[in-house]
Amino acid sequence: MKLRAEILPNFEVAKERYDEVLKQILDYTAYCDEYEDQDQIIYNKIAAYLAEITGKDISVYNLYEWWEEEEAQVLAFRIALPAPITLSDITMEELRAVISKIRTFDTFEQEGENLTFEQEFSLYLDDYYHAWLKLNFKKYKYSLFNRYKNSKGEYLEYSIDELVNFIY
């Protein structure tokens, strides 16, 4: 199922912001390597600037020690990507499609370095779609996507249909 543009991540805006966000992250890392930032004066300036250009709460991102989590490019993409929006008329089929996107990984055959921006970062949309679910469904819980142990001691995961039924 093809999702409406209002549901999909806005790659155009992310691409416009990406270079500047990445530059800020890498410049801050270089600054910290040379001078440190124990008082977080520079950190706060960069966080405020990134919040201004993205409209996002930057405190949820680790600008100081990002290398312990993901590459700088992935962090820059996550920050540059606009937050999801609230919708009132989401269908069960749209919910199923979003849950399917979280549960399946689309990979692209890499021919040299010719991946588009969207292809390059398509594997990093999990946070976006979980935020979209949280924003749009009161019954959503991140823990539903984790494995659980049944009464027989077996580890299981909810199917896509079970998740749709829990959340919708």
C-alpha atoms as a PDB file:
ATOM      1  CA  MET A   1       0.000   0.000   0.000  1.00  0.00           C
ATOM      2  CA  LYS A   2       1.230   3.440  -0.869  1.00  0.00           C
ATOM      3  CA  LEU A   3       1.094   5.781   2.110  1.00  0.00           C
ATOM      4  CA  ARG A   4      -0.119   9.361   2.005  1.00  0.00           C
ATOM      5  CA  ALA A   5       2.545  12.057   1.945  1.00  0.00           C
ATOM      6  CA  GLU A   6       1.394  13.264   5.402  1.00  0.00           C
ATOM      7  CA  ILE A   7       2.452   9.909   6.883  1.00  0.00           C
ATOM      8  CA  LEU A   8       5.744   9.476   5.052  1.00  0.00           C
ATOM      9  CA  PRO A   9       8.981  11.030   6.278  1.00  0.00           C
ATOM     10  CA  ASN A  10       9.818  14.269   4.484  1.00  0.00           C
ATOM     11  CA  PHE A  11      13.114  13.438   2.790  1.00  0.00           C
ATOM     12  CA  GLU A  12      13.172  16.697   0.822  1.00  0.00           C
ATOM     13  CA  VAL A  13      13.360  18.826   3.967  1.00  0.00           C
ATOM     14  CA  ALA A  14      15.781  16.374   5.586  1.00  0.00           C
ATOM     15  CA  LYS A  15      18.073  16.614   2.569  1.00  0.00           C
ATOM     16  CA  GLU A  16      17.970  20.437   2.682  1.00  0.00           C
ATOM     17  CA  ARG A  17      18.964  20.472   6.365  1.00  0.00           C
ATOM     18  CA  TYR A  18      21.335  17.510   6.355  1.00  0.00           C
ATOM     19  CA  ASP A  19      24.634  19.123   5.319  1.00  0.00           C
ATOM     20  CA  GLU A  20      24.338  21.911   7.876  1.00  0.00           C
ATOM     21  CA  VAL A  21      23.338  19.524  10.673  1.00  0.00           C
ATOM     22  CA  LEU A  22      26.235  17.176   9.860  1.00  0.00           C
ATOM     23  CA  LYS A  23      28.655  20.116   9.738  1.00  0.00           C
ATOM     24  CA  GLN A  24      27.532  21.265  13.186  1.00  0.00           C
ATOM     25  CA  ILE A  25      27.978  17.771  14.655  1.00  0.00           C
ATOM     26  CA  LEU A  26      31.437  17.288  13.155  1.00  0.00           C
ATOM     27  CA  ASP A  27      32.570  20.818  14.045  1.00  0.00           C
ATOM     28  CA  TYR A  28      31.449  20.301  17.617  1.00  0.00           C
ATOM     29  CA  THR A  29      33.300  16.986  17.798  1.00  0.00           C
ATOM     30  CA  ALA A  30      36.476  18.620  16.492  1.00  0.00           C
ATOM     31  CA  TYR A  31      36.073  21.445  19.022  1.00  0.00           C
ATOM     32  CA  CYS A  32      35.676  18.956  21.883  1.00  0.00           C
ATOM     33  CA  ASP A  33      38.709  16.962  20.732  1.00  0.00           C
ATOM     34  CA  GLU A  34      40.839  20.082  20.977  1.00  0.00           C
ATOM     35  CA  TYR A  35      39.302  22.108  23.814  1.00  0.00           C
ATOM     36  CA  GLU A  36      36.680  19.969  25.572  1.00  0.00           C
ATOM     37  CA  ASP A  37      33.372  21.531  26.567  1.00  0.00           C
ATOM     38  CA  GLN A  38      32.871  20.583  30.194  1.00  0.00           C
ATOM     39  CA  ASP A  39      30.561  23.530  30.864  1.00  0.00           C
ATOM     40  CA  GLN A  40      28.600  22.678  27.697  1.00  0.00           C
ATOM     41  CA  ILE A  41      28.620  26.280  26.536  1.00  0.00           C
ATOM     42  CA  ILE A  42      29.305  25.376  22.904  1.00  0.00           C
ATOM     43  CA  TYR A  43      27.014  22.343  23.164  1.00  0.00           C
ATOM     44  CA  ASN A  44      24.119  24.557  24.230  1.00  0.00           C
ATOM     45  CA  LYS A  45      24.787  26.999  21.388  1.00  0.00           C
ATOM     46  CA  ILE A  46      24.839  24.219  18.803  1.00  0.00           C
ATOM     47  CA  ALA A  47      21.763  22.557  20.290  1.00  0.00           C
ATOM     48  CA  ALA A  48      19.890  25.877  20.192  1.00  0.00           C
ATOM     49  CA  TYR A  49      20.947  26.461  16.584  1.00  0.00           C
ATOM     50  CA  LEU A  50      19.890  22.956  15.525  1.00  0.00           C
ATOM     51  CA  ALA A  51      16.576  23.392  17.340  1.00  0.00           C
ATOM     52  CA  GLU A  52      16.065  26.662  15.483  1.00  0.00           C
ATOM     53  CA  ILE A  53      16.698  25.212  12.019  1.00  0.00           C
ATOM     54  CA  THR A  54      14.782  21.952  12.621  1.00  0.00           C
ATOM     55  CA  GLY A  55      12.065  22.916  15.096  1.00  0.00           C
ATOM     56  CA  LYS A  56      12.950  19.816  17.118  1.00  0.00           C
ATOM     57  CA  ASP A  57      13.887  19.150  20.734  1.00  0.00           C
ATOM     58  CA  ILE A  58      17.608  18.449  20.387  1.00  0.00           C
ATOM     59  CA  SER A  59      17.957  17.253  23.989  1.00  0.00           C
ATOM     60  CA  VAL A  60      16.807  13.780  22.884  1.00  0.00           C
ATOM     61  CA  TYR A  61      19.949  13.429  20.730  1.00  0.00           C
ATOM     62  CA  ASN A  62      23.472  12.755  21.941  1.00  0.00           C
ATOM     63  CA  LEU A  63      25.607  15.395  20.275  1.00  0.00           C
ATOM     64  CA  TYR A  64      28.481  14.970  22.699  1.00  0.00           C
ATOM     65  CA  GLU A  65      29.262  11.247  22.398  1.00  0.00           C
ATOM     66  CA  TRP A  66      27.343  10.269  19.270  1.00  0.00           C
ATOM     67  CA  TRP A  67      30.039   7.793  18.200  1.00  0.00           C
ATOM     68  CA  GLU A  68      28.952   5.461  21.014  1.00  0.00           C
ATOM     69  CA  GLU A  69      25.578   5.047  19.299  1.00  0.00           C
ATOM     70  CA  GLU A  70      25.671   5.596  15.522  1.00  0.00           C
ATOM     71  CA  GLU A  71      27.649   7.327  12.809  1.00  0.00           C
ATOM     72  CA  ALA A  72      27.551  11.111  12.604  1.00  0.00           C
ATOM     73  CA  GLN A  73      25.763  10.827   9.260  1.00  0.00           C
ATOM     74  CA  VAL A  74      22.911   8.812  10.800  1.00  0.00           C
ATOM     75  CA  LEU A  75      22.590  11.234  13.711  1.00  0.00           C
ATOM     76  CA  ALA A  76      22.547  14.167  11.293  1.00  0.00           C
ATOM     77  CA  PHE A  77      19.816  12.473   9.272  1.00  0.00           C
ATOM     78  CA  ARG A  78      17.695  11.762  12.363  1.00  0.00           C
ATOM     79  CA  ILE A  79      18.000  15.395  13.469  1.00  0.00           C
ATOM     80  CA  ALA A  80      17.396  16.812   9.973  1.00  0.00           C
ATOM     81  CA  LEU A  81      14.292  14.681   9.350  1.00  0.00           C
ATOM     82  CA  PRO A  82      11.113  16.590  10.241  1.00  0.00           C
ATOM     83  CA  ALA A  83       9.033  15.128  13.049  1.00  0.00           C
ATOM     84  CA  PRO A  84       5.850  13.241  12.163  1.00  0.00           C
ATOM     85  CA  ILE A  85       2.501  14.994  12.305  1.00  0.00           C
ATOM     86  CA  THR A  86      -0.798  14.167  13.958  1.00  0.00           C
ATOM     87  CA  LEU A  87      -3.548  12.871  11.681  1.00  0.00           C
ATOM     88  CA  SER A  88      -7.159  12.146  12.553  1.00  0.00           C
ATOM     89  CA  ASP A  89      -8.259   9.880   9.727  1.00  0.00           C
ATOM     90  CA  ILE A  90      -5.734   7.035   9.686  1.00  0.00           C
ATOM     91  CA  THR A  91      -7.038   3.779   8.260  1.00  0.00           C
ATOM     92  CA  MET A  92      -6.266   0.313   9.519  1.00  0.00           C
ATOM     93  CA  GLU A  93      -4.498  -0.382   6.227  1.00  0.00           C
ATOM     94  CA  GLU A  94      -2.239   2.645   6.712  1.00  0.00           C
ATOM     95  CA  LEU A  95      -1.415   1.491  10.232  1.00  0.00           C
ATOM     96  CA  ARG A  96      -0.609  -1.977   8.889  1.00  0.00           C
ATOM     97  CA  ALA A  97       1.679  -0.434   6.253  1.00  0.00           C
ATOM     98  CA  VAL A  98       3.568   1.607   8.870  1.00  0.00           C
ATOM     99  CA  ILE A  99       3.994  -1.394  11.163  1.00  0.00           C
ATOM    100  CA  SER A 100       5.192  -3.418   8.174  1.00  0.00           C
ATOM    101  CA  LYS A 101       7.802  -0.736   7.475  1.00  0.00           C
ATOM    102  CA  ILE A 102       9.080  -1.035  11.048  1.00  0.00           C
ATOM    103  CA  ARG A 103       9.157  -4.823  10.900  1.00  0.00           C
ATOM    104  CA  THR A 104      10.770  -5.234   7.484  1.00  0.00           C
ATOM    105  CA  PHE A 105      13.996  -3.848   6.147  1.00  0.00           C
ATOM    106  CA  ASP A 106      14.144  -2.567   2.603  1.00  0.00           C
ATOM    107  CA  THR A 107      17.640  -2.795   1.298  1.00  0.00           C
ATOM    108  CA  PHE A 108      18.994  -1.471  -1.946  1.00  0.00           C
ATOM    109  CA  GLU A 109      21.555  -3.126  -4.151  1.00  0.00           C
ATOM    110  CA  GLN A 110      24.483  -0.769  -4.016  1.00  0.00           C
ATOM    111  CA  GLU A 111      26.042  -0.039  -7.361  1.00  0.00           C
ATOM    112  CA  GLY A 112      29.140   1.924  -6.537  1.00  0.00           C
ATOM    113  CA  GLU A 113      28.190   5.004  -4.569  1.00  0.00           C
ATOM    114  CA  ASN A 114      25.004   5.796  -6.491  1.00  0.00           C
ATOM    115  CA  LEU A 115      22.451   5.578  -3.696  1.00  0.00           C
ATOM    116  CA  THR A 116      19.945   8.395  -3.434  1.00  0.00           C
ATOM    117  CA  PHE A 117      19.626  10.291  -0.154  1.00  0.00           C
ATOM    118  CA  GLU A 118      16.395   8.407   0.559  1.00  0.00           C
ATOM    119  CA  GLN A 119      17.960   5.019  -0.172  1.00  0.00           C
ATOM    120  CA  GLU A 120      21.014   5.808   1.931  1.00  0.00           C
ATOM    121  CA  PHE A 121      18.943   6.575   5.038  1.00  0.00           C
ATOM    122  CA  SER A 122      15.867   4.376   4.556  1.00  0.00           C
ATOM    123  CA  LEU A 123      17.146   1.893   7.158  1.00  0.00           C
ATOM    124  CA  TYR A 124      17.067   4.599   9.836  1.00  0.00           C
ATOM    125  CA  LEU A 125      13.363   5.398   9.905  1.00  0.00           C
ATOM    126  CA  ASP A 126      12.446   3.285  12.927  1.00  0.00           C
ATOM    127  CA  ASP A 127      12.522   6.258  15.325  1.00  0.00           C
ATOM    128  CA  TYR A 128      10.376   8.292  12.933  1.00  0.00           C
ATOM    129  CA  TYR A 129       7.688   5.630  12.586  1.00  0.00           C
ATOM    130  CA  HIS A 130       7.630   4.846  16.316  1.00  0.00           C
ATOM    131  CA  ALA A 131       7.212   8.579  17.016  1.00  0.00           C
ATOM    132  CA  TRP A 132       4.405   8.671  14.434  1.00  0.00           C
ATOM    133  CA  LEU A 133       2.636   5.763  16.138  1.00  0.00           C
ATOM    134  CA  LYS A 134       3.021   7.335  19.588  1.00  0.00           C
ATOM    135  CA  LEU A 135       1.672  10.632  18.306  1.00  0.00           C
ATOM    136  CA  ASN A 136      -1.340   9.157  16.525  1.00  0.00           C
ATOM    137  CA  PHE A 137      -2.447   6.147  18.610  1.00  0.00           C
ATOM    138  CA  LYS A 138      -3.254   6.210  22.317  1.00  0.00           C
ATOM    139  CA  LYS A 139      -2.895   2.417  22.567  1.00  0.00           C
ATOM    140  CA  TYR A 140       0.619   2.409  21.103  1.00  0.00           C
ATOM    141  CA  LYS A 141       3.414   1.127  23.341  1.00  0.00           C
ATOM    142  CA  TYR A 142       6.961   0.633  22.154  1.00  0.00           C
ATOM    143  CA  SER A 143       7.141  -2.560  24.225  1.00  0.00           C
ATOM    144  CA  LEU A 144       4.624  -4.225  21.876  1.00  0.00           C
ATOM    145  CA  PHE A 145       7.436  -4.426  19.310  1.00  0.00           C
ATOM    146  CA  ASN A 146       9.759  -6.295  21.682  1.00  0.00           C
ATOM    147  CA  ARG A 147       9.962 -10.026  22.096  1.00  0.00           C
ATOM    148  CA  TYR A 148       8.009 -11.484  24.994  1.00  0.00           C
ATOM    149  CA  LYS A 149       8.102 -14.772  26.888  1.00  0.00           C
ATOM    150  CA  ASN A 150       4.939 -16.879  26.816  1.00  0.00           C
ATOM    151  CA  SER A 151       3.727 -19.244  29.541  1.00  0.00           C
ATOM    152  CA  LYS A 152       5.782 -22.096  28.001  1.00  0.00           C
ATOM    153  CA  GLY A 153       8.972 -20.079  28.311  1.00  0.00           C
ATOM    154  CA  GLU A 154       9.217 -19.482  24.559  1.00  0.00           C
ATOM    155  CA  TYR A 155      10.231 -16.107  23.172  1.00  0.00           C
ATOM    156  CA  LEU A 156       7.805 -14.737  20.624  1.00  0.00           C
ATOM    157  CA  GLU A 157       7.034 -11.532  18.741  1.00  0.00           C
ATOM    158  CA  TYR A 158       3.617 -10.178  17.911  1.00  0.00           C
ATOM    159  CA  SER A 159       2.699 -10.466  14.250  1.00  0.00           C
ATOM    160  CA  ILE A 160       1.919  -7.409  12.182  1.00  0.00           C
ATOM    161  CA  ASP A 161      -1.807  -8.204  12.363  1.00  0.00           C
ATOM    162  CA  GLU A 162      -1.664  -8.629  16.149  1.00  0.00           C
ATOM    163  CA  LEU A 163       0.113  -5.282  16.466  1.00  0.00           C
ATOM    164  CA  VAL A 164      -2.503  -3.598  14.272  1.00  0.00           C
ATOM    165  CA  ASN A 165      -5.285  -5.045  16.434  1.00  0.00           C
ATOM    166  CA  PHE A 166      -3.600  -3.918  19.676  1.00  0.00           C
ATOM    167  CA  ILE A 167      -2.908  -0.393  18.456  1.00  0.00           C
ATOM    168  CA  TYR A 168      -5.883   0.512  16.252  1.00  0.00           C
END
